Amino acid sequence: MPNIPRLLAWLVVMLASGSVQAQSDAPFRLIVTHLEPPLVPNSVMDLAEELGYFDQEGVSVELVRVQQTPSALAALQAGEGDMANIGVDALMQAIASGADDFRAVTSPNTSLPFVIAANTSINSVAELAGARFGVGRIGSLDHSLSSLVLASLGAELDQAQIVALGQPNVRAQALAAGQIDATTMSIGTWLSLPDTSGLHLLVDQDRYFAAAPLVNKVNVVPGQVLADRPEDVAAVIRALVRISRDFAADPQLWVSAMERAVPDADIAVLQALAPSFSASWSVNGGMSRNALTYTADWLYATEDFAGRTRPALEDWVEFGPVDAALARLGVQPNADPADR
């Protein structure tokens, strides 16, 4: 259940401005790290704008598109956006480097739509020993996550030959070309491969997330935005929760919306993806205290955070906005937990 004192404090701030609707005519700039709606549940941010969900909540949202998380963080710090969708690892790195004014307020994607794909000569995770395993870079999130997943399944990634290749699409192409033997990628990247002959899923989406139940990405706002535009923040979250609930209730709505938003998308891929996201929509805002704590604990045990002091949850998370949204919309049972 939502934290009542925190929720009441947030509602007082909202009511003090005279309205529980968005209070500014200025566009609310939401920074995303993709150039078109991605084939993952994070697409709700683009589709909420396309389908008018933000307008229905009384907030005018302008999507600011950048190509990488460092650019998103730089834009947010420079005041070029009001909210940014970034990886939790990137947020923690920024805070560790002194950017202590950022707070995570919602997560549009409650689970990691990742898989481990391999060539068909590898039939078990144990057979990855000695194989060529593609990662973004040594110590990258996909590298660390894959180590966690494989360890939970009884294998050790450090027994493979680690090959640093960069972005997931590059790794997928290298796998298809036989340059590596296995790699981690999103289910969307897997289904988008033009030819998967000779390849298979060694670890599917459900097994991957069960082994690594982490919060992957969060929407972050600076403290000044929380102070100046609390209704806008809450309105954005309500819109994202509402569209997530609609897609969870009827996956075909997502297929149709993506088909319009990305005309060159393969409809067969969209139809295959939709049911795989059944448990991935953030119908309660995606801000489980337990999941966020687990994520931070795990991150600070990785090489990237060695020697750094782990911040308290309240130093990088603000539950008030999502609790205010759920006070209006209610909490859906048997979905992403609203545990506070």
C-alpha atoms as a PDB file:
ATOM      1  CA  MET A   1       0.000   0.000   0.000  1.00  0.00           C
ATOM      2  CA  PRO A   2       1.148   3.586  -0.588  1.00  0.00           C
ATOM      3  CA  ASN A   3       2.989   5.358   2.217  1.00  0.00           C
ATOM      4  CA  ILE A   4       0.210   7.516   3.715  1.00  0.00           C
ATOM      5  CA  PRO A   5       2.320  10.313   5.290  1.00  0.00           C
ATOM      6  CA  ARG A   6       4.364  10.711   2.107  1.00  0.00           C
ATOM      7  CA  LEU A   7       1.215  10.647  -0.025  1.00  0.00           C
ATOM      8  CA  LEU A   8      -0.525  13.233   2.162  1.00  0.00           C
ATOM      9  CA  ALA A   9       2.513  15.517   1.992  1.00  0.00           C
ATOM     10  CA  TRP A  10       2.520  15.265  -1.787  1.00  0.00           C
ATOM     11  CA  LEU A  11      -1.210  15.950  -2.041  1.00  0.00           C
ATOM     12  CA  VAL A  12      -0.824  19.016   0.188  1.00  0.00           C
ATOM     13  CA  VAL A  13       1.746  20.409  -2.237  1.00  0.00           C
ATOM     14  CA  MET A  14      -0.599  19.758  -5.157  1.00  0.00           C
ATOM     15  CA  LEU A  15      -3.670  21.214  -3.468  1.00  0.00           C
ATOM     16  CA  ALA A  16      -1.767  24.304  -2.340  1.00  0.00           C
ATOM     17  CA  SER A  17      -1.441  25.347  -5.968  1.00  0.00           C
ATOM     18  CA  GLY A  18      -5.243  25.254  -6.301  1.00  0.00           C
ATOM     19  CA  SER A  19      -5.587  22.251  -8.608  1.00  0.00           C
ATOM     20  CA  VAL A  20      -4.875  18.566  -8.934  1.00  0.00           C
ATOM     21  CA  GLN A  21      -4.524  18.989 -12.686  1.00  0.00           C
ATOM     22  CA  ALA A  22      -1.423  20.120 -14.550  1.00  0.00           C
ATOM     23  CA  GLN A  23      -0.692  23.700 -13.631  1.00  0.00           C
ATOM     24  CA  SER A  24       1.629  24.968 -16.380  1.00  0.00           C
ATOM     25  CA  ASP A  25       1.012  25.844 -20.004  1.00  0.00           C
ATOM     26  CA  ALA A  26       4.693  25.245 -20.767  1.00  0.00           C
ATOM     27  CA  PRO A  27       5.382  21.866 -22.400  1.00  0.00           C
ATOM     28  CA  PHE A  28       6.616  19.194 -20.024  1.00  0.00           C
ATOM     29  CA  ARG A  29       9.763  17.902 -21.733  1.00  0.00           C
ATOM     30  CA  LEU A  30      10.268  14.154 -21.406  1.00  0.00           C
ATOM     31  CA  ILE A  31      13.694  12.947 -22.530  1.00  0.00           C
ATOM     32  CA  VAL A  32      13.853   9.474 -24.083  1.00  0.00           C
ATOM     33  CA  THR A  33      16.893   7.578 -25.355  1.00  0.00           C
ATOM     34  CA  HIS A  34      15.385   6.258 -28.575  1.00  0.00           C
ATOM     35  CA  LEU A  35      14.568   7.853 -31.909  1.00  0.00           C
ATOM     36  CA  GLU A  36      11.294   5.997 -32.473  1.00  0.00           C
ATOM     37  CA  PRO A  37       8.963   3.939 -30.264  1.00  0.00           C
ATOM     38  CA  PRO A  38      10.970   0.862 -29.207  1.00  0.00           C
ATOM     39  CA  LEU A  39       9.712  -2.716 -29.309  1.00  0.00           C
ATOM     40  CA  VAL A  40       9.505  -2.872 -25.512  1.00  0.00           C
ATOM     41  CA  PRO A  41       6.965  -1.679 -22.906  1.00  0.00           C
ATOM     42  CA  ASN A  42       8.915   1.610 -22.623  1.00  0.00           C
ATOM     43  CA  SER A  43       7.082   2.528 -25.823  1.00  0.00           C
ATOM     44  CA  VAL A  44       4.210   3.692 -23.592  1.00  0.00           C
ATOM     45  CA  MET A  45       5.950   7.067 -23.341  1.00  0.00           C
ATOM     46  CA  ASP A  46       5.807   7.634 -27.097  1.00  0.00           C
ATOM     47  CA  LEU A  47       2.357   6.117 -27.483  1.00  0.00           C
ATOM     48  CA  ALA A  48       0.863   8.121 -24.602  1.00  0.00           C
ATOM     49  CA  GLU A  49       1.795  11.229 -26.581  1.00  0.00           C
ATOM     50  CA  GLU A  50       0.583   9.769 -29.900  1.00  0.00           C
ATOM     51  CA  LEU A  51      -2.754   8.582 -28.490  1.00  0.00           C
ATOM     52  CA  GLY A  52      -3.540  11.660 -26.398  1.00  0.00           C
ATOM     53  CA  TYR A  53      -3.179  10.177 -22.906  1.00  0.00           C
ATOM     54  CA  PHE A  54      -1.075  13.121 -21.721  1.00  0.00           C
ATOM     55  CA  ASP A  55      -3.597  15.589 -23.126  1.00  0.00           C
ATOM     56  CA  GLN A  56      -6.398  13.760 -21.296  1.00  0.00           C
ATOM     57  CA  GLU A  57      -4.522  14.336 -18.029  1.00  0.00           C
ATOM     58  CA  GLY A  58      -4.134  18.045 -18.788  1.00  0.00           C
ATOM     59  CA  VAL A  59      -0.402  18.102 -19.436  1.00  0.00           C
ATOM     60  CA  SER A  60       1.294  19.019 -22.713  1.00  0.00           C
ATOM     61  CA  VAL A  61       4.266  16.672 -23.136  1.00  0.00           C
ATOM     62  CA  GLU A  62       7.085  17.242 -25.605  1.00  0.00           C
ATOM     63  CA  LEU A  63       9.353  14.258 -26.249  1.00  0.00           C
ATOM     64  CA  VAL A  64      13.039  15.150 -26.428  1.00  0.00           C
ATOM     65  CA  ARG A  65      14.895  12.392 -28.275  1.00  0.00           C
ATOM     66  CA  VAL A  66      18.559  11.634 -27.657  1.00  0.00           C
ATOM     67  CA  GLN A  67      20.562   8.567 -28.579  1.00  0.00           C
ATOM     68  CA  GLN A  68      22.273   7.597 -25.322  1.00  0.00           C
ATOM     69  CA  THR A  69      21.823   7.866 -21.572  1.00  0.00           C
ATOM     70  CA  PRO A  70      24.813  10.231 -21.092  1.00  0.00           C
ATOM     71  CA  SER A  71      23.088  12.658 -23.460  1.00  0.00           C
ATOM     72  CA  ALA A  72      19.829  12.313 -21.513  1.00  0.00           C
ATOM     73  CA  LEU A  73      21.568  13.060 -18.225  1.00  0.00           C
ATOM     74  CA  ALA A  74      23.433  16.012 -19.725  1.00  0.00           C
ATOM     75  CA  ALA A  75      20.182  17.435 -21.130  1.00  0.00           C
ATOM     76  CA  LEU A  76      18.423  17.036 -17.777  1.00  0.00           C
ATOM     77  CA  GLN A  77      21.273  18.705 -15.910  1.00  0.00           C
ATOM     78  CA  ALA A  78      21.314  21.559 -18.438  1.00  0.00           C
ATOM     79  CA  GLY A  79      17.605  22.219 -17.929  1.00  0.00           C
ATOM     80  CA  GLU A  80      16.707  21.012 -21.422  1.00  0.00           C
ATOM     81  CA  GLY A  81      14.154  18.560 -20.056  1.00  0.00           C
ATOM     82  CA  ASP A  82      11.923  18.028 -17.030  1.00  0.00           C
ATOM     83  CA  MET A  83      12.045  14.227 -16.830  1.00  0.00           C
ATOM     84  CA  ALA A  84      14.316  11.604 -18.374  1.00  0.00           C
ATOM     85  CA  ASN A  85      13.987   7.855 -18.845  1.00  0.00           C
ATOM     86  CA  ILE A  86      17.368   6.350 -17.933  1.00  0.00           C
ATOM     87  CA  GLY A  87      18.870   3.159 -16.557  1.00  0.00           C
ATOM     88  CA  VAL A  88      18.989   2.775 -12.784  1.00  0.00           C
ATOM     89  CA  ASP A  89      22.707   2.087 -13.102  1.00  0.00           C
ATOM     90  CA  ALA A  90      23.205   5.435 -14.875  1.00  0.00           C
ATOM     91  CA  LEU A  91      21.205   7.240 -12.192  1.00  0.00           C
ATOM     92  CA  MET A  92      23.277   5.654  -9.444  1.00  0.00           C
ATOM     93  CA  GLN A  93      26.507   6.556 -11.255  1.00  0.00           C
ATOM     94  CA  ALA A  94      25.331  10.170 -11.588  1.00  0.00           C
ATOM     95  CA  ILE A  95      24.475  10.361  -7.891  1.00  0.00           C
ATOM     96  CA  ALA A  96      27.799   8.789  -6.957  1.00  0.00           C
ATOM     97  CA  SER A  97      29.475  11.524  -9.020  1.00  0.00           C
ATOM     98  CA  GLY A  98      27.676  14.293  -7.151  1.00  0.00           C
ATOM     99  CA  ALA A  99      24.373  14.791  -9.027  1.00  0.00           C
ATOM    100  CA  ASP A 100      22.359  14.295  -5.847  1.00  0.00           C
ATOM    101  CA  ASP A 101      19.258  16.260  -6.892  1.00  0.00           C
ATOM    102  CA  PHE A 102      17.740  13.589  -9.167  1.00  0.00           C
ATOM    103  CA  ARG A 103      14.842  11.423  -8.005  1.00  0.00           C
ATOM    104  CA  ALA A 104      13.249   8.385  -9.672  1.00  0.00           C
ATOM    105  CA  VAL A 105       9.452   8.811  -9.697  1.00  0.00           C
ATOM    106  CA  THR A 106       8.142   5.996 -11.929  1.00  0.00           C
ATOM    107  CA  SER A 107       9.284   3.103 -14.115  1.00  0.00           C
ATOM    108  CA  PRO A 108       7.424   2.464 -17.389  1.00  0.00           C
ATOM    109  CA  ASN A 109       8.751  -1.096 -17.682  1.00  0.00           C
ATOM    110  CA  THR A 110       8.497  -3.456 -14.720  1.00  0.00           C
ATOM    111  CA  SER A 111      10.617  -6.297 -16.077  1.00  0.00           C
ATOM    112  CA  LEU A 112      13.613  -6.837 -18.303  1.00  0.00           C
ATOM    113  CA  PRO A 113      12.533  -8.139 -21.726  1.00  0.00           C
ATOM    114  CA  PHE A 114      15.946  -9.786 -22.155  1.00  0.00           C
ATOM    115  CA  VAL A 115      16.949 -13.208 -23.432  1.00  0.00           C
ATOM    116  CA  ILE A 116      20.204 -15.041 -24.007  1.00  0.00           C
ATOM    117  CA  ALA A 117      20.440 -16.294 -27.578  1.00  0.00           C
ATOM    118  CA  ALA A 118      23.019 -18.817 -28.748  1.00  0.00           C
ATOM    119  CA  ASN A 119      23.885 -20.953 -31.714  1.00  0.00           C
ATOM    120  CA  THR A 120      22.296 -24.379 -31.734  1.00  0.00           C
ATOM    121  CA  SER A 121      25.578 -26.129 -30.910  1.00  0.00           C
ATOM    122  CA  ILE A 122      25.126 -24.817 -27.342  1.00  0.00           C
ATOM    123  CA  ASN A 123      22.283 -26.676 -25.669  1.00  0.00           C
ATOM    124  CA  SER A 124      22.756 -25.704 -22.017  1.00  0.00           C
ATOM    125  CA  VAL A 125      24.230 -22.824 -20.038  1.00  0.00           C
ATOM    126  CA  ALA A 126      27.022 -25.148 -18.894  1.00  0.00           C
ATOM    127  CA  GLU A 127      28.159 -25.406 -22.519  1.00  0.00           C
ATOM    128  CA  LEU A 128      28.958 -21.672 -22.567  1.00  0.00           C
ATOM    129  CA  ALA A 129      32.307 -22.507 -20.928  1.00  0.00           C
ATOM    130  CA  GLY A 130      34.926 -21.638 -23.546  1.00  0.00           C
ATOM    131  CA  ALA A 131      32.331 -20.157 -25.937  1.00  0.00           C
ATOM    132  CA  ARG A 132      32.499 -16.606 -27.314  1.00  0.00           C
ATOM    133  CA  PHE A 133      29.957 -14.475 -25.389  1.00  0.00           C
ATOM    134  CA  GLY A 134      29.222 -10.980 -26.692  1.00  0.00           C
ATOM    135  CA  VAL A 135      28.729  -8.083 -24.250  1.00  0.00           C
ATOM    136  CA  GLY A 136      28.436  -4.320 -24.585  1.00  0.00           C
ATOM    137  CA  ARG A 137      31.675  -3.776 -22.682  1.00  0.00           C
ATOM    138  CA  ILE A 138      33.457  -5.399 -19.779  1.00  0.00           C
ATOM    139  CA  GLY A 139      31.490  -4.434 -16.661  1.00  0.00           C
ATOM    140  CA  SER A 140      28.501  -3.115 -18.625  1.00  0.00           C
ATOM    141  CA  LEU A 141      24.960  -3.679 -17.369  1.00  0.00           C
ATOM    142  CA  ASP A 142      24.295  -6.512 -19.829  1.00  0.00           C
ATOM    143  CA  HIS A 143      27.604  -8.142 -18.833  1.00  0.00           C
ATOM    144  CA  SER A 144      26.820  -7.928 -15.113  1.00  0.00           C
ATOM    145  CA  LEU A 145      23.204  -9.027 -15.560  1.00  0.00           C
ATOM    146  CA  SER A 146      24.166 -12.006 -17.687  1.00  0.00           C
ATOM    147  CA  SER A 147      26.690 -13.027 -15.028  1.00  0.00           C
ATOM    148  CA  LEU A 148      23.924 -12.877 -12.405  1.00  0.00           C
ATOM    149  CA  VAL A 149      21.481 -14.849 -14.548  1.00  0.00           C
ATOM    150  CA  LEU A 150      23.939 -17.571 -15.503  1.00  0.00           C
ATOM    151  CA  ALA A 151      25.202 -17.932 -11.933  1.00  0.00           C
ATOM    152  CA  SER A 152      21.625 -18.518 -10.771  1.00  0.00           C
ATOM    153  CA  LEU A 153      21.335 -21.221 -13.427  1.00  0.00           C
ATOM    154  CA  GLY A 154      24.534 -22.966 -12.367  1.00  0.00           C
ATOM    155  CA  ALA A 155      27.015 -21.534 -14.870  1.00  0.00           C
ATOM    156  CA  GLU A 156      29.838 -18.973 -14.671  1.00  0.00           C
ATOM    157  CA  LEU A 157      30.124 -16.351 -17.401  1.00  0.00           C
ATOM    158  CA  ASP A 158      33.802 -15.772 -16.647  1.00  0.00           C
ATOM    159  CA  GLN A 159      34.467 -19.272 -17.998  1.00  0.00           C
ATOM    160  CA  ALA A 160      33.417 -18.032 -21.452  1.00  0.00           C
ATOM    161  CA  GLN A 161      35.476 -15.903 -23.812  1.00  0.00           C
ATOM    162  CA  ILE A 162      34.066 -12.391 -23.306  1.00  0.00           C
ATOM    163  CA  VAL A 163      33.906 -10.299 -26.496  1.00  0.00           C
ATOM    164  CA  ALA A 164      33.070  -6.592 -26.147  1.00  0.00           C
ATOM    165  CA  LEU A 165      30.985  -5.499 -29.153  1.00  0.00           C
ATOM    166  CA  GLY A 166      28.793  -2.556 -28.132  1.00  0.00           C
ATOM    167  CA  GLN A 167      25.088  -2.109 -28.771  1.00  0.00           C
ATOM    168  CA  PRO A 168      22.603  -5.066 -28.724  1.00  0.00           C
ATOM    169  CA  ASN A 169      21.845  -4.857 -32.461  1.00  0.00           C
ATOM    170  CA  VAL A 170      25.573  -5.144 -33.208  1.00  0.00           C
ATOM    171  CA  ARG A 171      25.858  -8.147 -30.917  1.00  0.00           C
ATOM    172  CA  ALA A 172      22.800  -9.736 -32.530  1.00  0.00           C
ATOM    173  CA  GLN A 173      24.293  -9.283 -35.993  1.00  0.00           C
ATOM    174  CA  ALA A 174      27.587 -10.755 -34.804  1.00  0.00           C
ATOM    175  CA  LEU A 175      25.722 -13.786 -33.428  1.00  0.00           C
ATOM    176  CA  ALA A 176      23.833 -14.270 -36.694  1.00  0.00           C
ATOM    177  CA  ALA A 177      27.119 -13.994 -38.629  1.00  0.00           C
ATOM    178  CA  GLY A 178      28.795 -16.651 -36.448  1.00  0.00           C
ATOM    179  CA  GLN A 179      31.328 -14.200 -34.992  1.00  0.00           C
ATOM    180  CA  ILE A 180      30.213 -15.020 -31.433  1.00  0.00           C
ATOM    181  CA  ASP A 181      28.416 -18.005 -29.943  1.00  0.00           C
ATOM    182  CA  ALA A 182      25.957 -16.317 -27.557  1.00  0.00           C
ATOM    183  CA  THR A 183      24.842 -12.923 -26.270  1.00  0.00           C
ATOM    184  CA  THR A 184      22.117 -11.099 -24.342  1.00  0.00           C
ATOM    185  CA  MET A 185      19.538  -9.020 -26.241  1.00  0.00           C
ATOM    186  CA  SER A 186      15.950  -7.882 -25.889  1.00  0.00           C
ATOM    187  CA  ILE A 187      13.165 -10.154 -27.070  1.00  0.00           C
ATOM    188  CA  GLY A 188      12.325  -7.459 -29.631  1.00  0.00           C
ATOM    189  CA  THR A 189      15.838  -7.559 -31.091  1.00  0.00           C
ATOM    190  CA  TRP A 190      15.633 -11.357 -31.253  1.00  0.00           C
ATOM    191  CA  LEU A 191      12.303 -11.381 -33.072  1.00  0.00           C
ATOM    192  CA  SER A 192      13.519  -8.677 -35.457  1.00  0.00           C
ATOM    193  CA  LEU A 193      16.440 -10.752 -36.716  1.00  0.00           C
ATOM    194  CA  PRO A 194      15.742 -11.553 -40.375  1.00  0.00           C
ATOM    195  CA  ASP A 195      17.157 -15.082 -40.097  1.00  0.00           C
ATOM    196  CA  THR A 196      17.491 -17.103 -36.893  1.00  0.00           C
ATOM    197  CA  SER A 197      18.377 -20.403 -38.529  1.00  0.00           C
ATOM    198  CA  GLY A 198      21.146 -22.050 -36.544  1.00  0.00           C
ATOM    199  CA  LEU A 199      20.198 -20.007 -33.470  1.00  0.00           C
ATOM    200  CA  HIS A 200      17.866 -20.528 -30.492  1.00  0.00           C
ATOM    201  CA  LEU A 201      16.940 -19.025 -27.145  1.00  0.00           C
ATOM    202  CA  LEU A 202      19.173 -20.523 -24.496  1.00  0.00           C
ATOM    203  CA  VAL A 203      17.469 -18.498 -21.726  1.00  0.00           C
ATOM    204  CA  ASP A 204      14.010 -17.121 -22.474  1.00  0.00           C
ATOM    205  CA  GLN A 205      12.475 -13.899 -21.154  1.00  0.00           C
ATOM    206  CA  ASP A 206      10.697 -15.448 -18.163  1.00  0.00           C
ATOM    207  CA  ARG A 207      13.751 -17.366 -16.954  1.00  0.00           C
ATOM    208  CA  TYR A 208      15.972 -14.311 -17.409  1.00  0.00           C
ATOM    209  CA  PHE A 209      13.777 -12.016 -15.322  1.00  0.00           C
ATOM    210  CA  ALA A 210      13.174 -14.673 -12.670  1.00  0.00           C
ATOM    211  CA  ALA A 211      16.950 -14.874 -12.242  1.00  0.00           C
ATOM    212  CA  ALA A 212      17.443 -11.085 -12.300  1.00  0.00           C
ATOM    213  CA  PRO A 213      14.300  -9.362 -10.921  1.00  0.00           C
ATOM    214  CA  LEU A 214      15.758  -5.879 -11.251  1.00  0.00           C
ATOM    215  CA  VAL A 215      14.259  -2.498 -12.098  1.00  0.00           C
ATOM    216  CA  ASN A 216      15.976  -1.654 -15.361  1.00  0.00           C
ATOM    217  CA  LYS A 217      14.939   1.923 -16.207  1.00  0.00           C
ATOM    218  CA  VAL A 218      13.259   4.720 -14.288  1.00  0.00           C
ATOM    219  CA  ASN A 219      11.897   8.163 -15.077  1.00  0.00           C
ATOM    220  CA  VAL A 220      13.944  10.733 -13.196  1.00  0.00           C
ATOM    221  CA  VAL A 221      13.169  14.374 -12.376  1.00  0.00           C
ATOM    222  CA  PRO A 222      15.330  17.090 -10.773  1.00  0.00           C
ATOM    223  CA  GLY A 223      14.286  18.387  -7.362  1.00  0.00           C
ATOM    224  CA  GLN A 224      13.383  21.779  -8.841  1.00  0.00           C
ATOM    225  CA  VAL A 225      10.825  20.154 -11.152  1.00  0.00           C
ATOM    226  CA  LEU A 226       9.299  18.309  -8.198  1.00  0.00           C
ATOM    227  CA  ALA A 227       9.003  21.632  -6.383  1.00  0.00           C
ATOM    228  CA  ASP A 228       7.760  23.740  -9.311  1.00  0.00           C
ATOM    229  CA  ARG A 229       5.582  21.322 -11.294  1.00  0.00           C
ATOM    230  CA  PRO A 230       4.204  18.629  -8.944  1.00  0.00           C
ATOM    231  CA  GLU A 231       0.861  18.374 -10.780  1.00  0.00           C
ATOM    232  CA  ASP A 232       2.594  17.938 -14.115  1.00  0.00           C
ATOM    233  CA  VAL A 233       4.751  15.129 -12.726  1.00  0.00           C
ATOM    234  CA  ALA A 234       1.680  13.391 -11.288  1.00  0.00           C
ATOM    235  CA  ALA A 235      -0.263  13.915 -14.540  1.00  0.00           C
ATOM    236  CA  VAL A 236       2.523  12.315 -16.611  1.00  0.00           C
ATOM    237  CA  ILE A 237       2.574   9.318 -14.275  1.00  0.00           C
ATOM    238  CA  ARG A 238      -1.224   8.955 -14.401  1.00  0.00           C
ATOM    239  CA  ALA A 239      -1.117   8.944 -18.207  1.00  0.00           C
ATOM    240  CA  LEU A 240       1.618   6.286 -18.258  1.00  0.00           C
ATOM    241  CA  VAL A 241      -0.224   4.121 -15.742  1.00  0.00           C
ATOM    242  CA  ARG A 242      -3.512   4.421 -17.660  1.00  0.00           C
ATOM    243  CA  ILE A 243      -2.020   3.500 -21.032  1.00  0.00           C
ATOM    244  CA  SER A 244      -0.098   0.617 -19.434  1.00  0.00           C
ATOM    245  CA  ARG A 245      -3.353  -0.717 -17.969  1.00  0.00           C
ATOM    246  CA  ASP A 246      -5.094  -0.445 -21.320  1.00  0.00           C
ATOM    247  CA  PHE A 247      -2.318  -2.352 -23.098  1.00  0.00           C
ATOM    248  CA  ALA A 248      -2.236  -4.996 -20.347  1.00  0.00           C
ATOM    249  CA  ALA A 249      -5.989  -5.497 -20.689  1.00  0.00           C
ATOM    250  CA  ASP A 250      -5.883  -5.679 -24.500  1.00  0.00           C
ATOM    251  CA  PRO A 251      -2.447  -6.371 -26.061  1.00  0.00           C
ATOM    252  CA  GLN A 252      -3.909  -5.776 -29.534  1.00  0.00           C
ATOM    253  CA  LEU A 253      -4.209  -2.082 -28.650  1.00  0.00           C
ATOM    254  CA  TRP A 254      -0.412  -1.942 -28.370  1.00  0.00           C
ATOM    255  CA  VAL A 255       0.000  -3.764 -31.679  1.00  0.00           C
ATOM    256  CA  SER A 256      -2.322  -1.332 -33.460  1.00  0.00           C
ATOM    257  CA  ALA A 257      -0.692   1.707 -31.860  1.00  0.00           C
ATOM    258  CA  MET A 258       2.811   0.544 -32.780  1.00  0.00           C
ATOM    259  CA  GLU A 259       1.734  -0.279 -36.306  1.00  0.00           C
ATOM    260  CA  ARG A 260       0.615   3.351 -36.738  1.00  0.00           C
ATOM    261  CA  ALA A 261       3.576   4.872 -34.910  1.00  0.00           C
ATOM    262  CA  VAL A 262       6.227   2.753 -36.672  1.00  0.00           C
ATOM    263  CA  PRO A 263       4.836   2.052 -40.173  1.00  0.00           C
ATOM    264  CA  ASP A 264       7.826  -0.074 -41.187  1.00  0.00           C
ATOM    265  CA  ALA A 265       7.510  -2.380 -38.149  1.00  0.00           C
ATOM    266  CA  ASP A 266       6.932  -6.040 -38.967  1.00  0.00           C
ATOM    267  CA  ILE A 267       3.337  -6.774 -37.905  1.00  0.00           C
ATOM    268  CA  ALA A 268       4.235 -10.421 -37.271  1.00  0.00           C
ATOM    269  CA  VAL A 269       6.927  -9.303 -34.819  1.00  0.00           C
ATOM    270  CA  LEU A 270       4.465  -6.985 -33.058  1.00  0.00           C
ATOM    271  CA  GLN A 271       1.886  -9.763 -32.803  1.00  0.00           C
ATOM    272  CA  ALA A 272       4.506 -12.102 -31.341  1.00  0.00           C
ATOM    273  CA  LEU A 273       5.785  -9.522 -28.860  1.00  0.00           C
ATOM    274  CA  ALA A 274       2.438  -8.377 -27.470  1.00  0.00           C
ATOM    275  CA  PRO A 275       1.634 -11.517 -25.420  1.00  0.00           C
ATOM    276  CA  SER A 276       5.231 -11.720 -24.170  1.00  0.00           C
ATOM    277  CA  PHE A 277       4.729  -8.366 -22.434  1.00  0.00           C
ATOM    278  CA  SER A 278       1.704  -9.551 -20.440  1.00  0.00           C
ATOM    279  CA  ALA A 279       3.488  -9.168 -17.103  1.00  0.00           C
ATOM    280  CA  SER A 280       5.717  -6.244 -18.105  1.00  0.00           C
ATOM    281  CA  TRP A 281       3.344  -3.283 -18.167  1.00  0.00           C
ATOM    282  CA  SER A 282       3.729  -0.892 -15.209  1.00  0.00           C
ATOM    283  CA  VAL A 283       0.064  -0.862 -14.256  1.00  0.00           C
ATOM    284  CA  ASN A 284       0.938   0.415 -10.759  1.00  0.00           C
ATOM    285  CA  GLY A 285       3.817   2.682 -11.716  1.00  0.00           C
ATOM    286  CA  GLY A 286       6.649   0.151 -11.442  1.00  0.00           C
ATOM    287  CA  MET A 287       8.038   1.520  -8.161  1.00  0.00           C
ATOM    288  CA  SER A 288       8.281  -1.431  -5.779  1.00  0.00           C
ATOM    289  CA  ARG A 289      10.392  -0.489  -2.749  1.00  0.00           C
ATOM    290  CA  ASN A 290      11.630  -4.077  -2.472  1.00  0.00           C
ATOM    291  CA  ALA A 291      12.594  -4.269  -6.156  1.00  0.00           C
ATOM    292  CA  LEU A 292      14.358  -0.893  -6.073  1.00  0.00           C
ATOM    293  CA  THR A 293      16.261  -1.862  -2.932  1.00  0.00           C
ATOM    294  CA  TYR A 294      17.265  -5.203  -4.465  1.00  0.00           C
ATOM    295  CA  THR A 295      18.417  -3.390  -7.621  1.00  0.00           C
ATOM    296  CA  ALA A 296      20.578  -0.920  -5.698  1.00  0.00           C
ATOM    297  CA  ASP A 297      22.044  -3.696  -3.529  1.00  0.00           C
ATOM    298  CA  TRP A 298      22.982  -5.679  -6.610  1.00  0.00           C
ATOM    299  CA  LEU A 299      24.431  -2.712  -8.488  1.00  0.00           C
ATOM    300  CA  TYR A 300      26.653  -1.729  -5.584  1.00  0.00           C
ATOM    301  CA  ALA A 301      28.071  -5.251  -5.507  1.00  0.00           C
ATOM    302  CA  THR A 302      29.236  -4.963  -9.146  1.00  0.00           C
ATOM    303  CA  GLU A 303      32.628  -3.849 -10.399  1.00  0.00           C
ATOM    304  CA  ASP A 304      31.310  -0.485 -11.615  1.00  0.00           C
ATOM    305  CA  PHE A 305      30.449   0.574  -8.042  1.00  0.00           C
ATOM    306  CA  ALA A 306      33.382  -0.974  -6.205  1.00  0.00           C
ATOM    307  CA  GLY A 307      34.450   1.193  -3.265  1.00  0.00           C
ATOM    308  CA  ARG A 308      31.475   3.575  -3.520  1.00  0.00           C
ATOM    309  CA  THR A 309      29.090   4.265  -0.648  1.00  0.00           C
ATOM    310  CA  ARG A 310      25.546   3.116  -1.384  1.00  0.00           C
ATOM    311  CA  PRO A 311      23.008   5.948  -0.935  1.00  0.00           C
ATOM    312  CA  ALA A 312      19.810   5.475   1.038  1.00  0.00           C
ATOM    313  CA  LEU A 313      16.746   4.773  -1.082  1.00  0.00           C
ATOM    314  CA  GLU A 314      15.245   8.156  -0.186  1.00  0.00           C
ATOM    315  CA  ASP A 315      18.326   9.842  -1.681  1.00  0.00           C
ATOM    316  CA  TRP A 316      17.403   8.748  -5.200  1.00  0.00           C
ATOM    317  CA  VAL A 317      13.704   7.743  -5.104  1.00  0.00           C
ATOM    318  CA  GLU A 318      10.581   9.838  -4.459  1.00  0.00           C
ATOM    319  CA  PHE A 319       7.423   7.762  -4.042  1.00  0.00           C
ATOM    320  CA  GLY A 320       5.064  10.720  -3.532  1.00  0.00           C
ATOM    321  CA  PRO A 321       4.210  11.335  -7.209  1.00  0.00           C
ATOM    322  CA  VAL A 322       3.359   7.714  -8.038  1.00  0.00           C
ATOM    323  CA  ASP A 323       1.387   7.354  -4.812  1.00  0.00           C
ATOM    324  CA  ALA A 324      -0.578  10.485  -5.714  1.00  0.00           C
ATOM    325  CA  ALA A 325      -1.352   8.964  -9.117  1.00  0.00           C
ATOM    326  CA  LEU A 326      -2.477   5.693  -7.550  1.00  0.00           C
ATOM    327  CA  ALA A 327      -4.655   7.601  -5.068  1.00  0.00           C
ATOM    328  CA  ARG A 328      -6.620   8.786  -8.110  1.00  0.00           C
ATOM    329  CA  LEU A 329      -6.501   5.580 -10.156  1.00  0.00           C
ATOM    330  CA  GLY A 330      -6.446   2.860  -7.501  1.00  0.00           C
ATOM    331  CA  VAL A 331      -4.000  -0.027  -7.181  1.00  0.00           C
ATOM    332  CA  GLN A 332      -4.462  -3.082  -9.393  1.00  0.00           C
ATOM    333  CA  PRO A 333      -3.909  -6.385  -7.551  1.00  0.00           C
ATOM    334  CA  ASN A 334      -1.668  -9.167  -8.832  1.00  0.00           C
ATOM    335  CA  ALA A 335       0.517  -6.739 -10.780  1.00  0.00           C
ATOM    336  CA  ASP A 336       3.711  -4.762 -10.137  1.00  0.00           C
ATOM    337  CA  PRO A 337       3.709  -4.214  -6.356  1.00  0.00           C
ATOM    338  CA  ALA A 338       2.951  -0.842  -4.787  1.00  0.00           C
ATOM    339  CA  ASP A 339       4.865  -1.874  -1.659  1.00  0.00           C
ATOM    340  CA  ARG A 340       6.073   1.084   0.395  1.00  0.00           C
END
